[in-house]
All heavy atoms as atom14 arrays in JSON, in Angstrom:
{
  "sequence": "KNVFNNLDIIPTNIDLSGAEIELLDIENKEYILKKEVDKIRDNYDF",
  "atom14_mask": [
    [1, 1, 1, 1, 1, 1, 1, 1, 1, 0, 0, 0, 0, 0],
    [1, 1, 1, 1, 1, 1, 1, 1, 0, 0, 0, 0, 0, 0],
    [1, 1, 1, 1, 1, 1, 1, 0, 0, 0, 0, 0, 0, 0],
    [1, 1, 1, 1, 1, 1, 1, 1, 1, 1, 1, 0, 0, 0],
    [1, 1, 1, 1, 1, 1, 1, 1, 0, 0, 0, 0, 0, 0],
    [1, 1, 1, 1, 1, 1, 1, 1, 0, 0, 0, 0, 0, 0],
    [1, 1, 1, 1, 1, 1, 1, 1, 0, 0, 0, 0, 0, 0],
    [1, 1, 1, 1, 1, 1, 1, 1, 0, 0, 0, 0, 0, 0],
    [1, 1, 1, 1, 1, 1, 1, 1, 0, 0, 0, 0, 0, 0],
    [1, 1, 1, 1, 1, 1, 1, 1, 0, 0, 0, 0, 0, 0],
    [1, 1, 1, 1, 1, 1, 1, 0, 0, 0, 0, 0, 0, 0],
    [1, 1, 1, 1, 1, 1, 1, 0, 0, 0, 0, 0, 0, 0],
    [1, 1, 1, 1, 1, 1, 1, 1, 0, 0, 0, 0, 0, 0],
    [1, 1, 1, 1, 1, 1, 1, 1, 0, 0, 0, 0, 0, 0],
    [1, 1, 1, 1, 1, 1, 1, 1, 0, 0, 0, 0, 0, 0],
    [1, 1, 1, 1, 1, 1, 1, 1, 0, 0, 0, 0, 0, 0],
    [1, 1, 1, 1, 1, 1, 0, 0, 0, 0, 0, 0, 0, 0],
    [1, 1, 1, 1, 0, 0, 0, 0, 0, 0, 0, 0, 0, 0],
    [1, 1, 1, 1, 1, 0, 0, 0, 0, 0, 0, 0, 0, 0],
    [1, 1, 1, 1, 1, 1, 1, 1, 1, 0, 0, 0, 0, 0],
    [1, 1, 1, 1, 1, 1, 1, 1, 0, 0, 0, 0, 0, 0],
    [1, 1, 1, 1, 1, 1, 1, 1, 1, 0, 0, 0, 0, 0],
    [1, 1, 1, 1, 1, 1, 1, 1, 0, 0, 0, 0, 0, 0],
    [1, 1, 1, 1, 1, 1, 1, 1, 0, 0, 0, 0, 0, 0],
    [1, 1, 1, 1, 1, 1, 1, 1, 0, 0, 0, 0, 0, 0],
    [1, 1, 1, 1, 1, 1, 1, 1, 0, 0, 0, 0, 0, 0],
    [1, 1, 1, 1, 1, 1, 1, 1, 1, 0, 0, 0, 0, 0],
    [1, 1, 1, 1, 1, 1, 1, 1, 0, 0, 0, 0, 0, 0],
    [1, 1, 1, 1, 1, 1, 1, 1, 1, 0, 0, 0, 0, 0],
    [1, 1, 1, 1, 1, 1, 1, 1, 1, 0, 0, 0, 0, 0],
    [1, 1, 1, 1, 1, 1, 1, 1, 1, 1, 1, 1, 0, 0],
    [1, 1, 1, 1, 1, 1, 1, 1, 0, 0, 0, 0, 0, 0],
    [1, 1, 1, 1, 1, 1, 1, 1, 0, 0, 0, 0, 0, 0],
    [1, 1, 1, 1, 1, 1, 1, 1, 1, 0, 0, 0, 0, 0],
    [1, 1, 1, 1, 1, 1, 1, 1, 1, 0, 0, 0, 0, 0],
    [1, 1, 1, 1, 1, 1, 1, 1, 1, 0, 0, 0, 0, 0],
    [1, 1, 1, 1, 1, 1, 1, 0, 0, 0, 0, 0, 0, 0],
    [1, 1, 1, 1, 1, 1, 1, 1, 0, 0, 0, 0, 0, 0],
    [1, 1, 1, 1, 1, 1, 1, 1, 1, 0, 0, 0, 0, 0],
    [1, 1, 1, 1, 1, 1, 1, 1, 0, 0, 0, 0, 0, 0],
    [1, 1, 1, 1, 1, 1, 1, 1, 1, 1, 1, 0, 0, 0],
    [1, 1, 1, 1, 1, 1, 1, 1, 0, 0, 0, 0, 0, 0],
    [1, 1, 1, 1, 1, 1, 1, 1, 0, 0, 0, 0, 0, 0],
    [1, 1, 1, 1, 1, 1, 1, 1, 1, 1, 1, 1, 0, 0],
    [1, 1, 1, 1, 1, 1, 1, 1, 0, 0, 0, 0, 0, 0],
    [1, 1, 1, 1, 1, 1, 1, 1, 1, 1, 1, 0, 0, 0]
  ],
  "atom14_positions": [
    [[-73.1, 11.28, 53.16], [-72.2, 12.02, 54.05], [-70.93, 11.25, 54.31], [-70.91, 10.05, 54.37], [-72.94, 12.35, 55.38], [-74.08, 13.3, 55.14], [-74.54, 13.93, 56.43], [-75.57, 15.01, 56.09], [-76.23, 15.55, 57.26], [0.0, 0.0, 0.0], [0.0, 0.0, 0.0], [0.0, 0.0, 0.0], [0.0, 0.0, 0.0], [0.0, 0.0, 0.0]],
    [[-69.85, 12.01, 54.47], [-68.5, 11.45, 54.86], [-68.05, 10.32, 54.02], [-67.64, 9.27, 54.58], [-68.53, 11.16, 56.37], [-68.28, 12.36, 57.24], [-67.41, 13.22, 56.87], [-68.97, 12.49, 58.29], [0.0, 0.0, 0.0], [0.0, 0.0, 0.0], [0.0, 0.0, 0.0], [0.0, 0.0, 0.0], [0.0, 0.0, 0.0], [0.0, 0.0, 0.0]],
    [[-68.16, 10.44, 52.72], [-67.65, 9.38, 51.84], [-66.11, 9.23, 52.06], [-65.53, 8.15, 51.99], [-68.0, 9.53, 50.37], [-69.46, 9.28, 50.12], [-67.63, 10.89, 49.8], [0.0, 0.0, 0.0], [0.0, 0.0, 0.0], [0.0, 0.0, 0.0], [0.0, 0.0, 0.0], [0.0, 0.0, 0.0], [0.0, 0.0, 0.0], [0.0, 0.0, 0.0]],
    [[-65.49, 10.41, 52.33], [-64.13, 10.45, 52.86], [-64.15, 11.54, 53.88], [-65.11, 12.28, 54.03], [-63.13, 10.81, 51.76], [-62.95, 9.72, 50.74], [-63.66, 9.71, 49.54], [-62.11, 8.64, 50.99], [-63.51, 8.63, 48.64], [-62.01, 7.6, 50.08], [-62.7, 7.6, 48.91], [0.0, 0.0, 0.0], [0.0, 0.0, 0.0], [0.0, 0.0, 0.0]],
    [[-63.14, 11.64, 54.71], [-63.09, 12.61, 55.78], [-63.34, 14.03, 55.24], [-62.63, 14.44, 54.28], [-61.7, 12.51, 56.46], [-61.73, 13.14, 57.84], [-62.75, 13.26, 58.41], [-60.55, 13.56, 58.3], [0.0, 0.0, 0.0], [0.0, 0.0, 0.0], [0.0, 0.0, 0.0], [0.0, 0.0, 0.0], [0.0, 0.0, 0.0], [0.0, 0.0, 0.0]],
    [[-64.29, 14.74, 55.82], [-64.64, 16.12, 55.47], [-65.29, 16.23, 54.07], [-65.44, 17.34, 53.58], [-63.36, 17.05, 55.46], [-62.86, 17.36, 56.84], [-63.7, 17.47, 57.77], [-61.59, 17.49, 56.98], [0.0, 0.0, 0.0], [0.0, 0.0, 0.0], [0.0, 0.0, 0.0], [0.0, 0.0, 0.0], [0.0, 0.0, 0.0], [0.0, 0.0, 0.0]],
    [[-65.64, 15.13, 53.46], [-66.2, 15.13, 52.08], [-67.53, 14.47, 51.96], [-67.64, 13.27, 52.22], [-65.16, 14.52, 51.12], [-65.49, 14.44, 49.63], [-65.79, 15.83, 49.06], [-64.32, 13.81, 48.87], [0.0, 0.0, 0.0], [0.0, 0.0, 0.0], [0.0, 0.0, 0.0], [0.0, 0.0, 0.0], [0.0, 0.0, 0.0], [0.0, 0.0, 0.0]],
    [[-68.54, 15.24, 51.55], [-69.93, 14.7, 51.26], [-70.1, 14.76, 49.77], [-69.46, 15.55, 49.11], [-71.01, 15.53, 51.95], [-70.89, 15.54, 53.49], [-70.1, 14.74, 54.03], [-71.61, 16.39, 54.11], [0.0, 0.0, 0.0], [0.0, 0.0, 0.0], [0.0, 0.0, 0.0], [0.0, 0.0, 0.0], [0.0, 0.0, 0.0], [0.0, 0.0, 0.0]],
    [[-71.04, 13.97, 49.25], [-71.38, 14.04, 47.83], [-72.83, 13.91, 47.61], [-73.59, 13.24, 48.34], [-70.6, 12.93, 47.03], [-70.84, 13.05, 45.57], [-71.0, 11.49, 47.56], [-70.02, 12.13, 44.67], [0.0, 0.0, 0.0], [0.0, 0.0, 0.0], [0.0, 0.0, 0.0], [0.0, 0.0, 0.0], [0.0, 0.0, 0.0], [0.0, 0.0, 0.0]],
    [[-73.33, 14.62, 46.57], [-74.66, 14.36, 46.03], [-74.4, 13.51, 44.77], [-73.84, 14.06, 43.79], [-75.45, 15.62, 45.73], [-75.62, 16.44, 47.0], [-76.77, 15.26, 45.12], [-76.34, 17.77, 46.81], [0.0, 0.0, 0.0], [0.0, 0.0, 0.0], [0.0, 0.0, 0.0], [0.0, 0.0, 0.0], [0.0, 0.0, 0.0], [0.0, 0.0, 0.0]],
    [[-74.75, 12.26, 44.77], [-74.38, 11.36, 43.67], [-75.33, 11.47, 42.48], [-76.35, 12.16, 42.58], [-74.53, 9.94, 44.31], [-75.59, 10.13, 45.33], [-75.48, 11.52, 45.81], [0.0, 0.0, 0.0], [0.0, 0.0, 0.0], [0.0, 0.0, 0.0], [0.0, 0.0, 0.0], [0.0, 0.0, 0.0], [0.0, 0.0, 0.0], [0.0, 0.0, 0.0]],
    [[-74.94, 10.85, 41.4], [-75.85, 10.76, 40.22], [-75.69, 9.43, 39.58], [-74.78, 8.64, 39.9], [-75.5, 11.87, 39.21], [-76.65, 12.05, 38.36], [-74.29, 11.64, 38.35], [0.0, 0.0, 0.0], [0.0, 0.0, 0.0], [0.0, 0.0, 0.0], [0.0, 0.0, 0.0], [0.0, 0.0, 0.0], [0.0, 0.0, 0.0], [0.0, 0.0, 0.0]],
    [[-76.6, 9.18, 38.63], [-76.43, 7.96, 37.75], [-77.1, 8.29, 36.42], [-77.48, 9.48, 36.15], [-77.01, 6.67, 38.37], [-78.48, 6.86, 38.75], [-79.22, 7.64, 38.16], [-78.92, 6.15, 39.82], [0.0, 0.0, 0.0], [0.0, 0.0, 0.0], [0.0, 0.0, 0.0], [0.0, 0.0, 0.0], [0.0, 0.0, 0.0], [0.0, 0.0, 0.0]],
    [[-77.21, 7.36, 35.53], [-77.69, 7.61, 34.18], [-79.11, 8.17, 34.1], [-79.46, 8.81, 33.14], [-77.55, 6.32, 33.32], [-77.52, 6.64, 31.82], [-78.62, 5.28, 33.7], [-76.33, 7.41, 31.36], [0.0, 0.0, 0.0], [0.0, 0.0, 0.0], [0.0, 0.0, 0.0], [0.0, 0.0, 0.0], [0.0, 0.0, 0.0], [0.0, 0.0, 0.0]],
    [[-79.88, 8.06, 35.2], [-81.21, 8.62, 35.21], [-81.23, 10.1, 34.87], [-82.18, 10.66, 34.33], [-81.91, 8.41, 36.55], [-82.2, 6.97, 36.9], [-82.14, 6.18, 35.97], [-82.51, 6.66, 38.06], [0.0, 0.0, 0.0], [0.0, 0.0, 0.0], [0.0, 0.0, 0.0], [0.0, 0.0, 0.0], [0.0, 0.0, 0.0], [0.0, 0.0, 0.0]],
    [[-80.1, 10.72, 35.3], [-80.04, 12.22, 35.13], [-80.08, 12.6, 33.65], [-80.54, 13.77, 33.33], [-78.72, 12.73, 35.74], [-78.5, 14.21, 35.76], [-79.62, 14.91, 36.58], [-77.15, 14.6, 36.28], [0.0, 0.0, 0.0], [0.0, 0.0, 0.0], [0.0, 0.0, 0.0], [0.0, 0.0, 0.0], [0.0, 0.0, 0.0], [0.0, 0.0, 0.0]],
    [[-79.75, 11.74, 32.7], [-79.74, 12.08, 31.3], [-81.15, 12.36, 30.8], [-81.38, 13.08, 29.81], [-79.12, 10.99, 30.45], [-79.79, 9.78, 30.72], [0.0, 0.0, 0.0], [0.0, 0.0, 0.0], [0.0, 0.0, 0.0], [0.0, 0.0, 0.0], [0.0, 0.0, 0.0], [0.0, 0.0, 0.0], [0.0, 0.0, 0.0], [0.0, 0.0, 0.0]],
    [[-82.18, 11.89, 31.5], [-83.57, 12.2, 31.15], [-84.13, 13.48, 31.76], [-85.23, 13.9, 31.44], [0.0, 0.0, 0.0], [0.0, 0.0, 0.0], [0.0, 0.0, 0.0], [0.0, 0.0, 0.0], [0.0, 0.0, 0.0], [0.0, 0.0, 0.0], [0.0, 0.0, 0.0], [0.0, 0.0, 0.0], [0.0, 0.0, 0.0], [0.0, 0.0, 0.0]],
    [[-83.34, 14.08, 32.62], [-83.88, 15.28, 33.37], [-84.14, 16.43, 32.45], [-85.13, 17.16, 32.64], [-82.83, 15.69, 34.44], [0.0, 0.0, 0.0], [0.0, 0.0, 0.0], [0.0, 0.0, 0.0], [0.0, 0.0, 0.0], [0.0, 0.0, 0.0], [0.0, 0.0, 0.0], [0.0, 0.0, 0.0], [0.0, 0.0, 0.0], [0.0, 0.0, 0.0]],
    [[-83.36, 16.58, 31.37], [-83.53, 17.76, 30.46], [-84.96, 17.79, 29.89], [-85.64, 18.83, 29.88], [-82.58, 17.63, 29.26], [-81.14, 17.62, 29.64], [-80.43, 18.94, 29.38], [-81.02, 19.82, 28.72], [-79.3, 19.1, 29.89], [0.0, 0.0, 0.0], [0.0, 0.0, 0.0], [0.0, 0.0, 0.0], [0.0, 0.0, 0.0], [0.0, 0.0, 0.0]],
    [[-85.48, 16.62, 29.55], [-86.81, 16.54, 28.95], [-87.83, 16.81, 30.01], [-88.85, 17.56, 29.76], [-87.05, 15.17, 28.27], [-86.02, 14.98, 27.12], [-88.44, 15.01, 27.82], [-85.76, 13.61, 26.74], [0.0, 0.0, 0.0], [0.0, 0.0, 0.0], [0.0, 0.0, 0.0], [0.0, 0.0, 0.0], [0.0, 0.0, 0.0], [0.0, 0.0, 0.0]],
    [[-87.63, 16.31, 31.19], [-88.62, 16.46, 32.29], [-88.67, 17.92, 32.74], [-89.66, 18.36, 33.34], [-88.31, 15.57, 33.42], [-88.34, 14.09, 32.98], [-88.4, 13.11, 34.17], [-89.16, 13.43, 35.12], [-87.75, 12.11, 34.09], [0.0, 0.0, 0.0], [0.0, 0.0, 0.0], [0.0, 0.0, 0.0], [0.0, 0.0, 0.0], [0.0, 0.0, 0.0]],
    [[-87.61, 18.65, 32.48], [-87.57, 20.08, 32.91], [-88.2, 21.04, 31.96], [-88.38, 22.21, 32.25], [-86.1, 20.52, 33.15], [-85.38, 19.9, 34.32], [-83.91, 20.32, 34.29], [-86.0, 20.29, 35.63], [0.0, 0.0, 0.0], [0.0, 0.0, 0.0], [0.0, 0.0, 0.0], [0.0, 0.0, 0.0], [0.0, 0.0, 0.0], [0.0, 0.0, 0.0]],
    [[-88.58, 20.54, 30.76], [-89.05, 21.45, 29.68], [-90.1, 22.41, 30.16], [-90.04, 23.62, 29.8], [-89.54, 20.65, 28.47], [-88.4, 20.03, 27.59], [-89.01, 19.2, 26.5], [-87.54, 21.15, 26.98], [0.0, 0.0, 0.0], [0.0, 0.0, 0.0], [0.0, 0.0, 0.0], [0.0, 0.0, 0.0], [0.0, 0.0, 0.0], [0.0, 0.0, 0.0]],
    [[-91.12, 21.95, 30.85], [-92.27, 22.81, 31.18], [-92.16, 23.42, 32.59], [-93.11, 24.04, 33.05], [-93.58, 21.96, 31.08], [-93.76, 21.47, 29.66], [-93.32, 22.16, 28.76], [-94.29, 20.37, 29.49], [0.0, 0.0, 0.0], [0.0, 0.0, 0.0], [0.0, 0.0, 0.0], [0.0, 0.0, 0.0], [0.0, 0.0, 0.0], [0.0, 0.0, 0.0]],
    [[-91.01, 23.23, 33.26], [-90.95, 23.71, 34.61], [-90.45, 25.18, 34.66], [-89.55, 25.57, 33.96], [-90.0, 22.85, 35.45], [-90.63, 21.45, 35.62], [-89.68, 23.44, 36.78], [-89.8, 20.46, 36.35], [0.0, 0.0, 0.0], [0.0, 0.0, 0.0], [0.0, 0.0, 0.0], [0.0, 0.0, 0.0], [0.0, 0.0, 0.0], [0.0, 0.0, 0.0]],
    [[-91.18, 26.0, 35.46], [-90.77, 27.39, 35.61], [-89.45, 27.52, 36.36], [-89.18, 26.72, 37.27], [-91.88, 28.14, 36.36], [-92.82, 28.92, 35.47], [-93.79, 29.72, 36.34], [-93.35, 30.74, 36.97], [-94.96, 29.3, 36.35], [0.0, 0.0, 0.0], [0.0, 0.0, 0.0], [0.0, 0.0, 0.0], [0.0, 0.0, 0.0], [0.0, 0.0, 0.0]],
    [[-88.66, 28.51, 36.01], [-87.39, 28.75, 36.67], [-86.52, 27.52, 36.71], [-85.82, 27.29, 37.72], [-87.61, 29.34, 38.08], [-88.23, 30.73, 38.03], [-87.97, 31.5, 37.11], [-89.07, 31.01, 39.01], [0.0, 0.0, 0.0], [0.0, 0.0, 0.0], [0.0, 0.0, 0.0], [0.0, 0.0, 0.0], [0.0, 0.0, 0.0], [0.0, 0.0, 0.0]],
    [[-86.51, 26.75, 35.66], [-85.8, 25.49, 35.67], [-84.29, 25.66, 35.76], [-83.55, 24.79, 36.15], [-86.18, 24.63, 34.43], [-85.95, 25.32, 33.11], [-86.35, 24.41, 31.97], [-86.33, 25.05, 30.62], [-87.51, 25.93, 30.46], [0.0, 0.0, 0.0], [0.0, 0.0, 0.0], [0.0, 0.0, 0.0], [0.0, 0.0, 0.0], [0.0, 0.0, 0.0]],
    [[-83.86, 26.86, 35.43], [-82.36, 27.2, 35.52], [-81.87, 27.23, 36.96], [-80.69, 27.2, 37.19], [-82.03, 28.51, 34.8], [-82.44, 28.56, 33.36], [-83.85, 29.06, 33.13], [-84.57, 29.27, 34.11], [-84.22, 29.16, 31.95], [0.0, 0.0, 0.0], [0.0, 0.0, 0.0], [0.0, 0.0, 0.0], [0.0, 0.0, 0.0], [0.0, 0.0, 0.0]],
    [[-82.85, 27.4, 37.91], [-82.44, 27.67, 39.29], [-82.73, 26.54, 40.25], [-82.65, 26.7, 41.49], [-83.13, 28.94, 39.81], [-82.74, 30.19, 39.04], [-83.58, 30.77, 38.1], [-81.53, 30.79, 39.29], [-83.21, 31.91, 37.38], [-81.13, 31.98, 38.57], [-82.01, 32.49, 37.63], [-81.63, 33.64, 36.95], [0.0, 0.0, 0.0], [0.0, 0.0, 0.0]],
    [[-83.11, 25.37, 39.72], [-83.54, 24.28, 40.63], [-82.37, 23.85, 41.59], [-82.54, 23.75, 42.8], [-84.03, 23.06, 39.78], [-85.28, 23.43, 39.05], [-84.23, 21.85, 40.76], [-85.76, 22.38, 38.06], [0.0, 0.0, 0.0], [0.0, 0.0, 0.0], [0.0, 0.0, 0.0], [0.0, 0.0, 0.0], [0.0, 0.0, 0.0], [0.0, 0.0, 0.0]],
    [[-81.2, 23.7, 41.01], [-80.03, 23.25, 41.81], [-79.68, 24.34, 42.77], [-79.43, 24.09, 43.98], [-78.87, 22.93, 40.89], [-77.61, 22.42, 41.65], [-77.89, 21.06, 42.31], [-76.44, 22.31, 40.7], [0.0, 0.0, 0.0], [0.0, 0.0, 0.0], [0.0, 0.0, 0.0], [0.0, 0.0, 0.0], [0.0, 0.0, 0.0], [0.0, 0.0, 0.0]],
    [[-79.62, 25.56, 42.34], [-79.26, 26.7, 43.22], [-80.17, 26.76, 44.44], [-79.7, 26.98, 45.6], [-79.34, 28.02, 42.45], [-79.08, 29.26, 43.34], [-79.14, 30.55, 42.54], [-79.31, 31.75, 43.45], [-78.26, 31.81, 44.51], [0.0, 0.0, 0.0], [0.0, 0.0, 0.0], [0.0, 0.0, 0.0], [0.0, 0.0, 0.0], [0.0, 0.0, 0.0]],
    [[-81.43, 26.65, 44.23], [-82.43, 26.78, 45.32], [-82.16, 25.69, 46.39], [-82.18, 25.99, 47.6], [-83.87, 26.56, 44.77], [-84.92, 27.28, 45.52], [-86.23, 27.3, 44.75], [-86.88, 25.96, 44.84], [-87.85, 25.63, 43.86], [0.0, 0.0, 0.0], [0.0, 0.0, 0.0], [0.0, 0.0, 0.0], [0.0, 0.0, 0.0], [0.0, 0.0, 0.0]],
    [[-81.77, 24.52, 45.97], [-81.48, 23.42, 46.95], [-80.1, 23.64, 47.61], [-80.02, 23.49, 48.8], [-81.57, 22.07, 46.22], [-82.96, 21.65, 45.81], [-83.88, 21.44, 47.02], [-83.45, 20.96, 48.11], [-85.1, 21.8, 46.89], [0.0, 0.0, 0.0], [0.0, 0.0, 0.0], [0.0, 0.0, 0.0], [0.0, 0.0, 0.0], [0.0, 0.0, 0.0]],
    [[-79.1, 23.89, 46.81], [-77.75, 24.02, 47.37], [-77.69, 25.25, 48.35], [-76.99, 25.15, 49.36], [-76.67, 24.2, 46.24], [-75.34, 24.55, 46.8], [-76.59, 22.85, 45.51], [0.0, 0.0, 0.0], [0.0, 0.0, 0.0], [0.0, 0.0, 0.0], [0.0, 0.0, 0.0], [0.0, 0.0, 0.0], [0.0, 0.0, 0.0], [0.0, 0.0, 0.0]],
    [[-78.43, 26.29, 48.03], [-78.44, 27.5, 48.96], [-78.84, 27.1, 50.36], [-78.44, 27.74, 51.34], [-79.36, 28.57, 48.39], [-78.64, 29.43, 47.35], [-77.39, 29.22, 47.1], [-79.32, 30.28, 46.69], [0.0, 0.0, 0.0], [0.0, 0.0, 0.0], [0.0, 0.0, 0.0], [0.0, 0.0, 0.0], [0.0, 0.0, 0.0], [0.0, 0.0, 0.0]],
    [[-79.7, 26.06, 50.49], [-80.16, 25.64, 51.83], [-78.99, 25.13, 52.71], [-79.06, 25.22, 53.91], [-81.2, 24.56, 51.7], [-82.5, 24.99, 51.03], [-83.42, 23.82, 50.81], [-84.63, 24.2, 49.97], [-85.44, 23.07, 49.59], [0.0, 0.0, 0.0], [0.0, 0.0, 0.0], [0.0, 0.0, 0.0], [0.0, 0.0, 0.0], [0.0, 0.0, 0.0]],
    [[-77.95, 24.55, 52.09], [-76.89, 23.93, 52.9], [-75.52, 24.5, 52.65], [-74.54, 24.06, 53.22], [-76.88, 22.42, 52.72], [-76.58, 22.06, 51.25], [-78.19, 21.76, 53.18], [-76.26, 20.59, 51.02], [0.0, 0.0, 0.0], [0.0, 0.0, 0.0], [0.0, 0.0, 0.0], [0.0, 0.0, 0.0], [0.0, 0.0, 0.0], [0.0, 0.0, 0.0]],
    [[-75.4, 25.5, 51.76], [-74.02, 25.98, 51.44], [-73.26, 26.48, 52.6], [-72.02, 26.39, 52.65], [-74.03, 26.99, 50.26], [-74.49, 28.37, 50.59], [-74.44, 29.27, 49.39], [-73.08, 29.7, 49.01], [-72.79, 30.38, 47.98], [-73.79, 30.82, 47.15], [-71.55, 30.78, 47.69], [0.0, 0.0, 0.0], [0.0, 0.0, 0.0], [0.0, 0.0, 0.0]],
    [[-73.96, 27.01, 53.64], [-73.23, 27.5, 54.79], [-72.59, 26.36, 55.63], [-71.75, 26.64, 56.5], [-74.23, 28.28, 55.73], [-74.64, 29.62, 55.1], [-73.97, 29.99, 54.14], [-75.53, 30.25, 55.6], [0.0, 0.0, 0.0], [0.0, 0.0, 0.0], [0.0, 0.0, 0.0], [0.0, 0.0, 0.0], [0.0, 0.0, 0.0], [0.0, 0.0, 0.0]],
    [[-72.96, 25.14, 55.36], [-72.34, 24.0, 56.06], [-70.96, 23.63, 55.5], [-70.3, 22.78, 56.04], [-73.24, 22.81, 56.01], [-74.58, 22.99, 56.57], [-74.81, 23.97, 57.27], [-75.54, 22.14, 56.22], [0.0, 0.0, 0.0], [0.0, 0.0, 0.0], [0.0, 0.0, 0.0], [0.0, 0.0, 0.0], [0.0, 0.0, 0.0], [0.0, 0.0, 0.0]],
    [[-70.58, 24.25, 54.38], [-69.4, 23.86, 53.66], [-68.45, 25.01, 53.4], [-68.89, 26.18, 53.26], [-69.75, 23.16, 52.33], [-70.56, 21.94, 52.52], [-71.96, 21.95, 52.48], [-69.93, 20.69, 52.76], [-72.66, 20.8, 52.7], [-70.66, 19.57, 52.94], [-72.04, 19.62, 52.91], [-72.8, 18.45, 53.13], [0.0, 0.0, 0.0], [0.0, 0.0, 0.0]],
    [[-67.17, 24.71, 53.31], [-66.18, 25.72, 52.83], [-66.2, 25.81, 51.33], [-66.01, 26.85, 50.72], [-64.77, 25.38, 53.33], [-64.71, 25.4, 54.82], [-65.02, 26.43, 55.43], [-64.31, 24.34, 55.43], [0.0, 0.0, 0.0], [0.0, 0.0, 0.0], [0.0, 0.0, 0.0], [0.0, 0.0, 0.0], [0.0, 0.0, 0.0], [0.0, 0.0, 0.0]],
    [[-66.38, 24.63, 50.68], [-66.37, 24.53, 49.22], [-67.49, 23.59, 48.72], [-67.69, 22.56, 49.32], [-65.0, 24.0, 48.68], [-63.86, 24.98, 48.84], [-63.04, 24.97, 49.93], [-63.61, 25.93, 47.83], [-62.02, 25.9, 50.11], [-62.57, 26.83, 47.95], [-61.77, 26.81, 49.11], [0.0, 0.0, 0.0], [0.0, 0.0, 0.0], [0.0, 0.0, 0.0]]
  ]
}
């Protein structure tokens, strides 16, 4: 939170490059991010 004024971030690192393989067998894998971001999108303008 507040890495700069009015600006939050969800960070990443190189671990994310392995996510594609781990998602192979997961149902609705296309919507994982959407499901999480929908929980907090009302807190933000953008």
